[in-house]
């Protein structure tokens, strides 16, 4: 999927109403301050994330970038600043790609708990080959304690997975048995029993 974002060069007199300040930088791209439409960028960030290439337009020349980091208002949660990494053609990039789980697990249907251990993996690839997300099919979890590891991810053209192949992505874990609650002693019954014993002793003494 192709993503585009219109930008404007930032100047001291720039009207920032409804806009976010950002910076574009890279090994062969001088650090440049820009502004982007706040609503457009927020929508784009939700769709593209940090692993999809975005074509930045509106400057001297179009430039492919990755969203490297965003800063949000701690109270409102709105994005107030963004760092955009300028991607060069043929350059390999290391990013974290989110995992998306799909399918139905027979083990889970039988009562196992699906435990998702990883939610993203680290990959290296040229910008044109970067996956937006990686799909994990949990249908391979057939029996209790079955696992899916990083090494089970299907190879992707031009993409090298850097995460440890032995790392567990998901597991069909046995449900934890609830411990029985300890029996509660009826103290009132004990007191009654003691009182009855005292009464019997008094009658015997008489």
N, C-alpha and C. Protein backbone atom coordinates (compact mmCIF):
# COMPACT_ATOMS: atom_id res chain seq x y z
N UNK A 1 0.84 -1.20 0.00
CA UNK A 1 0.00 0.00 0.00
C UNK A 1 0.88 1.25 0.00
N UNK A 2 0.50 2.26 -0.76
CA UNK A 2 1.27 3.49 -0.86
C UNK A 2 0.70 4.57 0.05
N UNK A 3 1.59 5.18 0.81
CA UNK A 3 1.19 6.26 1.71
C UNK A 3 1.89 7.54 1.30
N UNK A 4 1.16 8.65 1.30
CA UNK A 4 1.75 9.95 0.98
C UNK A 4 1.36 10.95 2.07
N UNK A 5 2.23 11.94 2.26
CA UNK A 5 1.99 12.97 3.27
C UNK A 5 2.51 14.29 2.73
N UNK A 6 1.65 15.30 2.71
CA UNK A 6 2.05 16.61 2.22
C UNK A 6 2.69 17.40 3.36
N UNK A 7 3.81 18.04 3.06
CA UNK A 7 4.55 18.80 4.08
C UNK A 7 4.85 20.20 3.58
N UNK A 8 5.14 21.09 4.53
CA UNK A 8 5.55 22.44 4.22
C UNK A 8 6.81 22.76 5.01
N UNK A 9 7.70 23.52 4.42
CA UNK A 9 8.90 23.94 5.14
C UNK A 9 8.50 24.82 6.31
N UNK A 10 9.19 24.66 7.43
CA UNK A 10 8.87 25.43 8.63
C UNK A 10 9.66 26.74 8.65
N UNK A 11 8.93 27.82 8.94
CA UNK A 11 9.57 29.12 9.15
C UNK A 11 9.05 29.69 10.46
N UNK A 12 9.76 30.63 10.99
CA UNK A 12 9.36 31.23 12.27
C UNK A 12 7.96 31.84 12.20
N UNK A 13 7.57 32.28 11.02
CA UNK A 13 6.26 32.93 10.84
C UNK A 13 5.16 31.95 10.44
N UNK A 14 5.48 30.66 10.38
CA UNK A 14 4.50 29.67 9.94
C UNK A 14 3.31 29.60 10.88
N UNK A 15 2.12 29.63 10.32
CA UNK A 15 0.89 29.48 11.12
C UNK A 15 0.75 28.00 11.50
N UNK A 16 0.84 27.71 12.81
CA UNK A 16 0.84 26.33 13.27
C UNK A 16 -0.56 25.83 13.64
N UNK A 17 -1.58 26.61 13.34
CA UNK A 17 -2.94 26.20 13.66
C UNK A 17 -3.30 24.91 12.93
N UNK A 18 -3.61 23.87 13.69
CA UNK A 18 -3.99 22.59 13.10
C UNK A 18 -2.83 21.84 12.47
N UNK A 19 -1.60 22.23 12.81
CA UNK A 19 -0.44 21.60 12.20
C UNK A 19 0.52 21.07 13.28
N UNK A 20 1.38 20.14 12.86
CA UNK A 20 2.38 19.53 13.74
C UNK A 20 3.76 19.84 13.19
N UNK A 21 4.67 20.20 14.06
CA UNK A 21 6.05 20.42 13.63
C UNK A 21 6.76 19.06 13.58
N UNK A 22 7.58 18.85 12.56
CA UNK A 22 8.32 17.60 12.41
C UNK A 22 9.71 17.91 11.88
N UNK A 23 10.58 16.93 11.94
CA UNK A 23 11.93 17.08 11.39
C UNK A 23 12.24 15.88 10.53
N UNK A 24 12.83 16.12 9.37
CA UNK A 24 13.25 15.06 8.45
C UNK A 24 14.77 15.01 8.45
N UNK A 25 15.33 13.81 8.58
CA UNK A 25 16.79 13.69 8.59
C UNK A 25 17.19 12.31 8.10
N UNK A 26 18.45 12.17 7.75
CA UNK A 26 18.97 10.89 7.27
C UNK A 26 20.44 11.02 6.96
N UNK A 27 21.11 9.90 6.64
CA UNK A 27 22.55 9.92 6.36
C UNK A 27 22.93 10.89 5.25
N UNK A 28 22.07 11.00 4.24
CA UNK A 28 22.36 11.89 3.12
C UNK A 28 21.29 12.97 2.96
N UNK A 29 20.58 13.25 4.07
CA UNK A 29 19.51 14.24 4.02
C UNK A 29 19.72 15.20 5.18
N UNK A 30 20.00 16.46 4.92
CA UNK A 30 20.23 17.43 6.01
C UNK A 30 18.97 17.59 6.86
N UNK A 31 19.16 17.72 8.16
CA UNK A 31 18.04 17.88 9.07
C UNK A 31 17.20 19.09 8.66
N UNK A 32 15.92 18.83 8.38
CA UNK A 32 15.03 19.87 7.86
C UNK A 32 13.75 19.94 8.69
N UNK A 33 13.41 21.13 9.16
CA UNK A 33 12.18 21.32 9.93
C UNK A 33 11.01 21.55 8.98
N UNK A 34 9.92 20.83 9.23
CA UNK A 34 8.73 20.94 8.39
C UNK A 34 7.50 20.98 9.27
N UNK A 35 6.36 21.20 8.66
CA UNK A 35 5.08 21.06 9.36
C UNK A 35 4.16 20.21 8.50
N UNK A 36 3.26 19.47 9.17
CA UNK A 36 2.27 18.64 8.47
C UNK A 36 0.92 18.84 9.13
N UNK A 37 -0.12 18.57 8.38
CA UNK A 37 -1.47 18.70 8.91
C UNK A 37 -1.68 17.69 10.04
N UNK A 38 -2.16 18.16 11.19
CA UNK A 38 -2.28 17.31 12.38
C UNK A 38 -3.23 16.14 12.16
N UNK A 39 -4.40 16.39 11.60
CA UNK A 39 -5.37 15.32 11.39
C UNK A 39 -4.86 14.31 10.36
N UNK A 40 -4.27 14.80 9.29
CA UNK A 40 -3.75 13.92 8.24
C UNK A 40 -2.65 13.02 8.79
N UNK A 41 -1.74 13.62 9.57
CA UNK A 41 -0.62 12.83 10.10
C UNK A 41 -1.10 11.80 11.12
N UNK A 42 -2.01 12.19 12.00
CA UNK A 42 -2.52 11.26 13.01
C UNK A 42 -3.18 10.06 12.35
N UNK A 43 -3.99 10.30 11.33
CA UNK A 43 -4.65 9.23 10.59
C UNK A 43 -3.62 8.35 9.90
N UNK A 44 -2.60 8.97 9.31
CA UNK A 44 -1.57 8.23 8.60
C UNK A 44 -0.74 7.38 9.55
N UNK A 45 -0.43 7.92 10.71
CA UNK A 45 0.38 7.19 11.68
C UNK A 45 -0.34 5.92 12.16
N UNK A 46 -1.64 6.00 12.35
CA UNK A 46 -2.42 4.84 12.75
C UNK A 46 -2.41 3.77 11.66
N UNK A 47 -2.42 4.20 10.41
CA UNK A 47 -2.48 3.26 9.29
C UNK A 47 -1.12 2.71 8.93
N UNK A 48 -0.10 3.56 8.89
CA UNK A 48 1.22 3.15 8.41
C UNK A 48 2.14 2.67 9.52
N UNK A 49 1.97 3.20 10.73
CA UNK A 49 2.86 2.82 11.82
C UNK A 49 4.29 3.28 11.54
N UNK A 50 5.26 2.55 12.11
CA UNK A 50 6.66 2.92 11.97
C UNK A 50 7.42 2.02 11.00
N UNK A 51 6.71 1.11 10.33
CA UNK A 51 7.40 0.18 9.44
C UNK A 51 6.98 0.31 7.99
N UNK A 52 6.19 1.32 7.67
CA UNK A 52 5.75 1.51 6.29
C UNK A 52 6.35 2.79 5.72
N UNK A 53 6.78 2.71 4.47
CA UNK A 53 7.39 3.86 3.81
C UNK A 53 6.31 4.87 3.41
N UNK A 54 6.58 6.13 3.66
CA UNK A 54 5.66 7.22 3.33
C UNK A 54 6.38 8.17 2.38
N UNK A 55 5.72 8.55 1.31
CA UNK A 55 6.30 9.52 0.39
C UNK A 55 5.91 10.92 0.83
N UNK A 56 6.93 11.70 1.18
CA UNK A 56 6.71 13.07 1.64
C UNK A 56 6.70 13.99 0.42
N UNK A 57 5.62 14.73 0.24
CA UNK A 57 5.48 15.63 -0.91
C UNK A 57 5.42 17.08 -0.42
N UNK A 58 5.51 18.00 -1.36
CA UNK A 58 5.36 19.41 -1.02
C UNK A 58 6.66 20.15 -0.81
N UNK A 59 7.78 19.45 -0.76
CA UNK A 59 9.09 20.08 -0.58
C UNK A 59 9.77 20.23 -1.94
N UNK A 60 11.06 20.49 -1.95
CA UNK A 60 11.77 20.67 -3.23
C UNK A 60 11.67 19.42 -4.10
N UNK A 61 11.70 18.26 -3.44
CA UNK A 61 11.57 16.98 -4.16
C UNK A 61 10.89 15.97 -3.25
N UNK A 62 10.15 15.03 -3.83
CA UNK A 62 9.51 14.00 -3.03
C UNK A 62 10.58 13.15 -2.34
N UNK A 63 10.29 12.74 -1.12
CA UNK A 63 11.26 11.97 -0.34
C UNK A 63 10.55 10.86 0.42
N UNK A 64 11.05 9.62 0.29
CA UNK A 64 10.52 8.51 1.07
C UNK A 64 11.05 8.60 2.50
N UNK A 65 10.14 8.42 3.46
CA UNK A 65 10.52 8.52 4.87
C UNK A 65 9.83 7.41 5.67
N UNK A 66 10.36 7.17 6.85
CA UNK A 66 9.72 6.32 7.84
C UNK A 66 9.43 7.18 9.07
N UNK A 67 8.32 6.92 9.72
CA UNK A 67 8.04 7.61 10.99
C UNK A 67 8.94 6.97 12.04
N UNK A 68 9.90 7.72 12.52
CA UNK A 68 10.87 7.17 13.46
C UNK A 68 10.41 7.31 14.90
N UNK A 69 9.81 8.44 15.21
CA UNK A 69 9.37 8.66 16.59
C UNK A 69 8.33 9.77 16.61
N UNK A 70 7.37 9.65 17.52
CA UNK A 70 6.38 10.71 17.70
C UNK A 70 6.33 11.10 19.17
N UNK A 71 6.03 12.35 19.42
CA UNK A 71 5.84 12.84 20.78
C UNK A 71 4.40 13.27 20.94
N UNK A 72 3.81 12.89 22.06
CA UNK A 72 2.40 13.20 22.29
C UNK A 72 2.22 14.06 23.53
N UNK A 73 1.15 14.83 23.54
CA UNK A 73 0.78 15.61 24.72
C UNK A 73 0.38 14.64 25.82
N UNK A 74 1.01 14.72 26.98
CA UNK A 74 0.77 13.74 28.04
C UNK A 74 -0.65 13.83 28.60
N UNK A 75 -1.27 14.97 28.45
CA UNK A 75 -2.64 15.15 28.98
C UNK A 75 -3.69 14.79 27.93
N UNK A 76 -3.55 15.38 26.75
CA UNK A 76 -4.55 15.19 25.71
C UNK A 76 -4.30 13.94 24.86
N UNK A 77 -3.04 13.48 24.81
CA UNK A 77 -2.72 12.31 24.00
C UNK A 77 -2.55 12.62 22.52
N UNK A 78 -2.65 13.88 22.15
CA UNK A 78 -2.51 14.28 20.75
C UNK A 78 -1.03 14.37 20.37
N UNK A 79 -0.73 14.09 19.11
CA UNK A 79 0.66 14.14 18.62
C UNK A 79 1.07 15.60 18.47
N UNK A 80 2.26 15.94 19.00
CA UNK A 80 2.74 17.32 18.94
C UNK A 80 4.04 17.46 18.15
N UNK A 81 4.72 16.34 17.87
CA UNK A 81 5.98 16.41 17.12
C UNK A 81 6.29 15.03 16.55
N UNK A 82 7.01 15.02 15.42
CA UNK A 82 7.37 13.75 14.79
C UNK A 82 8.77 13.83 14.20
N UNK A 83 9.49 12.71 14.30
CA UNK A 83 10.79 12.56 13.64
C UNK A 83 10.61 11.64 12.45
N UNK A 84 11.02 12.10 11.27
CA UNK A 84 10.88 11.32 10.05
C UNK A 84 12.26 11.00 9.50
N UNK A 85 12.51 9.71 9.25
CA UNK A 85 13.81 9.27 8.78
C UNK A 85 13.80 9.15 7.26
N UNK A 86 14.67 9.90 6.62
CA UNK A 86 14.74 9.90 5.16
C UNK A 86 15.42 8.63 4.65
N UNK A 87 14.73 7.90 3.82
CA UNK A 87 15.21 6.62 3.30
C UNK A 87 15.86 6.81 1.94
N UNK A 88 17.05 6.23 1.76
CA UNK A 88 17.73 6.30 0.48
C UNK A 88 17.48 5.02 -0.32
N UNK A 89 17.39 5.15 -1.63
CA UNK A 89 17.15 4.00 -2.49
C UNK A 89 18.28 2.98 -2.33
N UNK A 90 17.91 1.71 -2.11
CA UNK A 90 18.88 0.64 -1.96
C UNK A 90 19.41 0.48 -0.54
N UNK A 91 19.06 1.41 0.35
CA UNK A 91 19.52 1.34 1.73
C UNK A 91 18.70 0.33 2.52
N UNK A 92 19.38 -0.51 3.29
CA UNK A 92 18.67 -1.46 4.15
C UNK A 92 18.37 -0.80 5.49
N UNK A 93 17.17 -1.06 5.96
CA UNK A 93 16.70 -0.41 7.19
C UNK A 93 16.30 -1.48 8.19
N UNK A 94 16.56 -1.21 9.45
CA UNK A 94 16.14 -2.10 10.53
C UNK A 94 14.95 -1.49 11.25
N UNK A 95 13.85 -2.22 11.30
CA UNK A 95 12.63 -1.73 11.96
C UNK A 95 11.96 -2.88 12.70
N UNK A 96 11.03 -2.53 13.57
CA UNK A 96 10.20 -3.51 14.26
C UNK A 96 8.85 -3.57 13.55
N UNK A 97 8.48 -4.76 13.12
CA UNK A 97 7.23 -4.95 12.37
C UNK A 97 6.21 -5.63 13.27
N UNK A 98 5.00 -5.08 13.37
CA UNK A 98 3.97 -5.69 14.22
C UNK A 98 3.48 -7.03 13.69
N UNK A 99 3.09 -7.91 14.62
CA UNK A 99 2.53 -9.22 14.28
C UNK A 99 1.01 -9.17 14.37
N UNK A 100 0.36 -9.77 13.41
CA UNK A 100 -1.11 -9.84 13.39
C UNK A 100 -1.49 -11.32 13.44
N UNK A 101 -2.32 -11.68 14.40
CA UNK A 101 -2.69 -13.09 14.59
C UNK A 101 -4.00 -13.40 13.88
N UNK A 102 -4.00 -14.56 13.20
CA UNK A 102 -5.18 -14.97 12.46
C UNK A 102 -5.37 -16.48 12.60
N UNK A 103 -6.53 -16.98 12.16
CA UNK A 103 -6.77 -18.42 12.21
C UNK A 103 -7.43 -18.87 13.50
N UNK A 104 -7.72 -20.17 13.56
CA UNK A 104 -8.36 -20.78 14.72
C UNK A 104 -7.50 -21.92 15.23
N UNK A 105 -7.24 -21.95 16.52
CA UNK A 105 -6.41 -23.00 17.12
C UNK A 105 -7.28 -24.10 17.70
N UNK A 106 -6.99 -25.34 17.31
CA UNK A 106 -7.74 -26.49 17.85
C UNK A 106 -7.48 -26.62 19.34
N UNK A 107 -6.26 -26.34 19.77
CA UNK A 107 -5.92 -26.44 21.19
C UNK A 107 -6.72 -25.44 22.02
N UNK A 108 -6.86 -24.24 21.49
CA UNK A 108 -7.63 -23.22 22.20
C UNK A 108 -9.10 -23.62 22.28
N UNK A 109 -9.62 -24.21 21.21
CA UNK A 109 -11.00 -24.67 21.20
C UNK A 109 -11.23 -25.77 22.23
N UNK A 110 -10.14 -26.50 22.54
CA UNK A 110 -10.23 -27.58 23.53
C UNK A 110 -10.01 -27.07 24.96
N UNK A 111 -9.78 -25.77 25.10
CA UNK A 111 -9.65 -25.21 26.46
C UNK A 111 -8.32 -24.59 26.79
N UNK A 112 -7.35 -24.63 25.87
CA UNK A 112 -6.05 -24.03 26.14
C UNK A 112 -6.16 -22.51 26.11
N UNK A 113 -5.24 -21.86 26.80
CA UNK A 113 -5.18 -20.40 26.78
C UNK A 113 -4.17 -19.95 25.72
N UNK A 114 -4.58 -19.06 24.84
CA UNK A 114 -3.66 -18.52 23.84
C UNK A 114 -2.85 -17.40 24.48
N UNK A 115 -1.56 -17.63 24.63
CA UNK A 115 -0.67 -16.62 25.22
C UNK A 115 0.18 -16.03 24.12
N UNK A 116 -0.01 -14.74 23.84
CA UNK A 116 0.78 -14.05 22.82
C UNK A 116 1.99 -13.43 23.51
N UNK A 117 3.16 -14.01 23.25
CA UNK A 117 4.38 -13.57 23.92
C UNK A 117 5.01 -12.38 23.20
N UNK A 118 5.05 -12.43 21.88
CA UNK A 118 5.63 -11.34 21.09
C UNK A 118 4.53 -10.65 20.28
N UNK A 119 4.68 -9.34 20.11
CA UNK A 119 3.72 -8.59 19.30
C UNK A 119 4.40 -7.88 18.14
N UNK A 120 5.74 -8.04 18.04
CA UNK A 120 6.49 -7.49 16.92
C UNK A 120 7.84 -8.20 16.81
N UNK A 121 8.43 -8.16 15.64
CA UNK A 121 9.76 -8.73 15.44
C UNK A 121 10.62 -7.71 14.70
N UNK A 122 11.92 -7.83 14.88
CA UNK A 122 12.86 -6.92 14.23
C UNK A 122 13.29 -7.50 12.89
N UNK A 123 13.22 -6.68 11.85
CA UNK A 123 13.61 -7.14 10.51
C UNK A 123 14.54 -6.12 9.86
N UNK A 124 15.22 -6.57 8.81
CA UNK A 124 16.08 -5.68 8.02
C UNK A 124 15.73 -5.89 6.56
N UNK A 125 15.52 -4.79 5.85
CA UNK A 125 15.16 -4.87 4.43
C UNK A 125 15.27 -3.51 3.79
N UNK A 126 15.30 -3.50 2.46
CA UNK A 126 15.21 -2.24 1.74
C UNK A 126 13.79 -1.70 1.92
N UNK A 127 13.66 -0.41 1.80
CA UNK A 127 12.37 0.23 2.03
C UNK A 127 11.25 -0.38 1.19
N UNK A 128 11.56 -0.71 -0.06
CA UNK A 128 10.54 -1.25 -0.95
C UNK A 128 10.05 -2.63 -0.52
N UNK A 129 10.85 -3.34 0.28
CA UNK A 129 10.48 -4.70 0.71
C UNK A 129 9.94 -4.77 2.14
N UNK A 130 9.93 -3.65 2.83
CA UNK A 130 9.49 -3.67 4.22
C UNK A 130 8.02 -4.08 4.33
N UNK A 131 7.73 -5.10 5.13
CA UNK A 131 6.31 -5.48 5.33
C UNK A 131 5.65 -4.53 6.32
N UNK A 132 4.41 -4.21 6.04
CA UNK A 132 3.65 -3.36 6.97
C UNK A 132 3.34 -4.11 8.25
N UNK A 133 3.09 -5.42 8.11
CA UNK A 133 2.79 -6.29 9.24
C UNK A 133 3.10 -7.73 8.83
N UNK A 134 3.23 -8.61 9.82
CA UNK A 134 3.48 -10.03 9.54
C UNK A 134 2.35 -10.83 10.16
N UNK A 135 1.74 -11.68 9.34
CA UNK A 135 0.60 -12.49 9.80
C UNK A 135 1.07 -13.80 10.43
N UNK A 136 0.54 -14.09 11.59
CA UNK A 136 0.85 -15.34 12.30
C UNK A 136 -0.42 -16.18 12.37
N UNK A 137 -0.38 -17.36 11.74
CA UNK A 137 -1.54 -18.26 11.71
C UNK A 137 -1.48 -19.19 12.92
N UNK A 138 -2.41 -19.04 13.84
CA UNK A 138 -2.39 -19.84 15.07
C UNK A 138 -3.03 -21.22 14.89
N UNK A 139 -3.45 -21.55 13.68
CA UNK A 139 -4.07 -22.87 13.45
C UNK A 139 -3.06 -24.00 13.65
N UNK A 140 -1.78 -23.67 13.68
CA UNK A 140 -0.76 -24.70 13.90
C UNK A 140 -0.69 -25.13 15.37
N UNK A 141 -1.38 -24.39 16.23
CA UNK A 141 -1.45 -24.76 17.65
C UNK A 141 -2.56 -25.79 17.81
N UNK A 142 -2.19 -27.06 17.66
CA UNK A 142 -3.19 -28.15 17.67
C UNK A 142 -3.34 -28.77 19.05
N UNK A 143 -2.23 -28.94 19.76
CA UNK A 143 -2.25 -29.60 21.06
C UNK A 143 -1.82 -28.65 22.18
N UNK A 144 -2.13 -29.03 23.41
CA UNK A 144 -1.70 -28.25 24.56
C UNK A 144 -0.18 -28.11 24.55
N UNK A 145 0.31 -26.93 24.85
CA UNK A 145 1.74 -26.60 24.94
C UNK A 145 2.40 -26.45 23.57
N UNK A 146 1.64 -26.54 22.47
CA UNK A 146 2.22 -26.25 21.16
C UNK A 146 2.66 -24.79 21.11
N UNK A 147 3.74 -24.53 20.36
CA UNK A 147 4.29 -23.18 20.30
C UNK A 147 4.51 -22.73 18.86
N UNK A 148 4.50 -21.43 18.67
CA UNK A 148 4.94 -20.83 17.41
C UNK A 148 6.13 -19.95 17.75
N UNK A 149 7.26 -20.18 17.07
CA UNK A 149 8.46 -19.39 17.32
C UNK A 149 8.78 -18.50 16.13
N UNK A 150 9.74 -17.62 16.31
CA UNK A 150 10.14 -16.71 15.24
C UNK A 150 10.61 -17.48 14.01
N UNK A 151 11.25 -18.62 14.23
CA UNK A 151 11.73 -19.43 13.11
C UNK A 151 10.60 -20.00 12.26
N UNK A 152 9.38 -19.98 12.78
CA UNK A 152 8.23 -20.50 12.03
C UNK A 152 7.66 -19.47 11.03
N UNK A 153 8.12 -18.24 11.10
CA UNK A 153 7.63 -17.22 10.17
C UNK A 153 8.10 -17.56 8.75
N UNK A 154 7.18 -17.52 7.83
CA UNK A 154 7.50 -17.86 6.45
C UNK A 154 8.47 -16.83 5.87
N UNK A 155 9.46 -17.28 5.11
CA UNK A 155 10.44 -16.36 4.50
C UNK A 155 9.75 -15.34 3.60
N UNK A 156 10.26 -14.12 3.61
CA UNK A 156 9.72 -13.05 2.77
C UNK A 156 10.84 -12.52 1.88
N UNK A 157 10.53 -12.30 0.64
CA UNK A 157 11.53 -11.85 -0.32
C UNK A 157 12.19 -10.54 0.12
N UNK A 158 13.50 -10.57 0.21
CA UNK A 158 14.25 -9.36 0.54
C UNK A 158 14.18 -8.93 1.98
N UNK A 159 13.63 -9.80 2.83
CA UNK A 159 13.47 -9.44 4.25
C UNK A 159 14.25 -10.43 5.12
N UNK A 160 15.09 -9.91 5.98
CA UNK A 160 15.82 -10.75 6.93
C UNK A 160 15.29 -10.49 8.33
N UNK A 161 14.88 -11.56 9.00
CA UNK A 161 14.37 -11.42 10.37
C UNK A 161 15.54 -11.47 11.33
N UNK A 162 15.69 -10.44 12.14
CA UNK A 162 16.82 -10.33 13.05
C UNK A 162 16.52 -10.88 14.44
N UNK A 163 15.26 -10.98 14.79
CA UNK A 163 14.89 -11.52 16.11
C UNK A 163 15.34 -12.97 16.23
N UNK A 164 15.64 -13.40 17.45
CA UNK A 164 16.10 -14.77 17.70
C UNK A 164 15.05 -15.78 17.25
N UNK A 165 15.49 -16.75 16.44
CA UNK A 165 14.57 -17.74 15.90
C UNK A 165 13.91 -18.61 16.96
N UNK A 166 14.54 -18.73 18.13
CA UNK A 166 13.98 -19.56 19.20
C UNK A 166 12.97 -18.82 20.07
N UNK A 167 12.86 -17.51 19.87
CA UNK A 167 11.91 -16.74 20.68
C UNK A 167 10.48 -17.18 20.39
N UNK A 168 9.72 -17.40 21.44
CA UNK A 168 8.33 -17.85 21.32
C UNK A 168 7.42 -16.67 20.97
N UNK A 169 6.61 -16.86 19.95
CA UNK A 169 5.64 -15.84 19.56
C UNK A 169 4.31 -16.08 20.27
N UNK A 170 3.86 -17.33 20.25
CA UNK A 170 2.58 -17.67 20.90
C UNK A 170 2.64 -19.11 21.36
N UNK A 171 1.84 -19.41 22.38
CA UNK A 171 1.80 -20.76 22.93
C UNK A 171 0.38 -21.09 23.37
N UNK A 172 -0.01 -22.36 23.16
CA UNK A 172 -1.30 -22.83 23.64
C UNK A 172 -1.07 -23.40 25.04
N UNK A 173 -1.23 -22.58 26.03
CA UNK A 173 -0.88 -22.96 27.40
C UNK A 173 -2.03 -23.68 28.10
N UNK A 174 -1.65 -24.64 28.93
CA UNK A 174 -2.67 -25.35 29.72
C UNK A 174 -3.31 -24.37 30.69
N UNK A 175 -4.62 -24.47 30.84
CA UNK A 175 -5.29 -23.57 31.79
C UNK A 175 -4.83 -23.83 33.21
N UNK A 176 -4.66 -22.79 33.97
CA UNK A 176 -4.21 -22.91 35.36
C UNK A 176 -5.37 -23.37 36.22
N UNK A 177 -5.14 -24.47 36.97
CA UNK A 177 -6.20 -24.98 37.83
C UNK A 177 -6.32 -24.10 39.06
N UNK A 178 -7.56 -23.78 39.39
CA UNK A 178 -7.80 -22.94 40.56
C UNK A 178 -7.58 -23.75 41.83
N UNK A 179 -6.83 -23.18 42.76
CA UNK A 179 -6.56 -23.84 44.04
C UNK A 179 -7.82 -23.85 44.89
N UNK A 180 -8.04 -24.99 45.59
CA UNK A 180 -9.21 -25.09 46.46
C UNK A 180 -9.05 -24.17 47.65
N UNK A 181 -10.13 -23.48 48.01
CA UNK A 181 -10.09 -22.58 49.15
C UNK A 181 -10.02 -23.41 50.44
N UNK A 182 -9.14 -23.01 51.36
CA UNK A 182 -9.04 -23.76 52.63
C UNK A 182 -10.34 -23.71 53.41
N UNK A 183 -10.65 -24.81 54.07
CA UNK A 183 -11.88 -24.88 54.87
C UNK A 183 -11.79 -23.90 56.03
N UNK A 184 -12.89 -23.20 56.29
CA UNK A 184 -12.96 -22.23 57.38
C UNK A 184 -13.56 -22.91 58.61
N UNK A 185 -12.83 -22.85 59.72
CA UNK A 185 -13.30 -23.48 60.95
C UNK A 185 -14.47 -22.69 61.54
N UNK A 186 -15.46 -23.40 62.03
CA UNK A 186 -16.60 -22.77 62.67
C UNK A 186 -16.27 -22.58 64.15
N UNK A 187 -15.77 -21.42 64.50
CA UNK A 187 -15.33 -21.14 65.87
C UNK A 187 -16.49 -21.19 66.86
N UNK A 188 -17.69 -20.82 66.40
CA UNK A 188 -18.84 -20.83 67.30
C UNK A 188 -19.16 -22.25 67.76
N UNK A 189 -18.97 -23.22 66.85
CA UNK A 189 -19.22 -24.62 67.21
C UNK A 189 -18.23 -25.09 68.25
N UNK A 190 -16.96 -24.62 68.11
CA UNK A 190 -15.93 -25.01 69.08
C UNK A 190 -16.25 -24.46 70.44
N UNK A 191 -16.71 -23.21 70.48
CA UNK A 191 -17.04 -22.58 71.76
C UNK A 191 -18.21 -23.31 72.42
N UNK A 192 -19.19 -23.67 71.62
CA UNK A 192 -20.34 -24.41 72.17
C UNK A 192 -19.89 -25.74 72.74
N UNK A 193 -18.99 -26.40 72.02
CA UNK A 193 -18.47 -27.69 72.46
C UNK A 193 -17.74 -27.53 73.79
N UNK A 194 -16.95 -26.47 73.91
CA UNK A 194 -16.21 -26.23 75.14
C UNK A 194 -17.16 -25.97 76.30
N UNK A 195 -18.21 -25.17 76.04
CA UNK A 195 -19.17 -24.86 77.08
C UNK A 195 -19.91 -26.11 77.52
N UNK A 196 -20.21 -26.99 76.54
CA UNK A 196 -20.89 -28.24 76.88
C UNK A 196 -20.01 -29.10 77.75
N UNK A 197 -18.69 -29.10 77.44
CA UNK A 197 -17.75 -29.90 78.24
C UNK A 197 -17.69 -29.40 79.66
N UNK A 198 -17.66 -28.09 79.81
CA UNK A 198 -17.62 -27.51 81.16
C UNK A 198 -18.88 -27.88 81.95
N UNK A 199 -20.03 -27.88 81.29
CA UNK A 199 -21.29 -28.21 81.95
C UNK A 199 -21.27 -29.65 82.41
N UNK A 200 -20.73 -30.55 81.57
CA UNK A 200 -20.66 -31.97 81.93
C UNK A 200 -19.75 -32.14 83.13
N UNK A 201 -18.66 -31.40 83.19
CA UNK A 201 -17.72 -31.52 84.31
C UNK A 201 -18.39 -31.05 85.60
N UNK A 202 -19.17 -29.96 85.51
CA UNK A 202 -19.85 -29.44 86.71
C UNK A 202 -20.87 -30.43 87.20
N UNK A 203 -21.60 -31.10 86.30
CA UNK A 203 -22.60 -32.09 86.73
C UNK A 203 -21.95 -33.29 87.37
N UNK A 204 -20.81 -33.69 86.84
CA UNK A 204 -20.10 -34.83 87.41
C UNK A 204 -19.58 -34.51 88.80
N UNK A 205 -19.14 -33.28 89.01
CA UNK A 205 -18.63 -32.87 90.31
C UNK A 205 -19.74 -32.84 91.35
N UNK A 206 -20.96 -32.42 90.92
CA UNK A 206 -22.10 -32.36 91.82
C UNK A 206 -22.51 -33.75 92.23
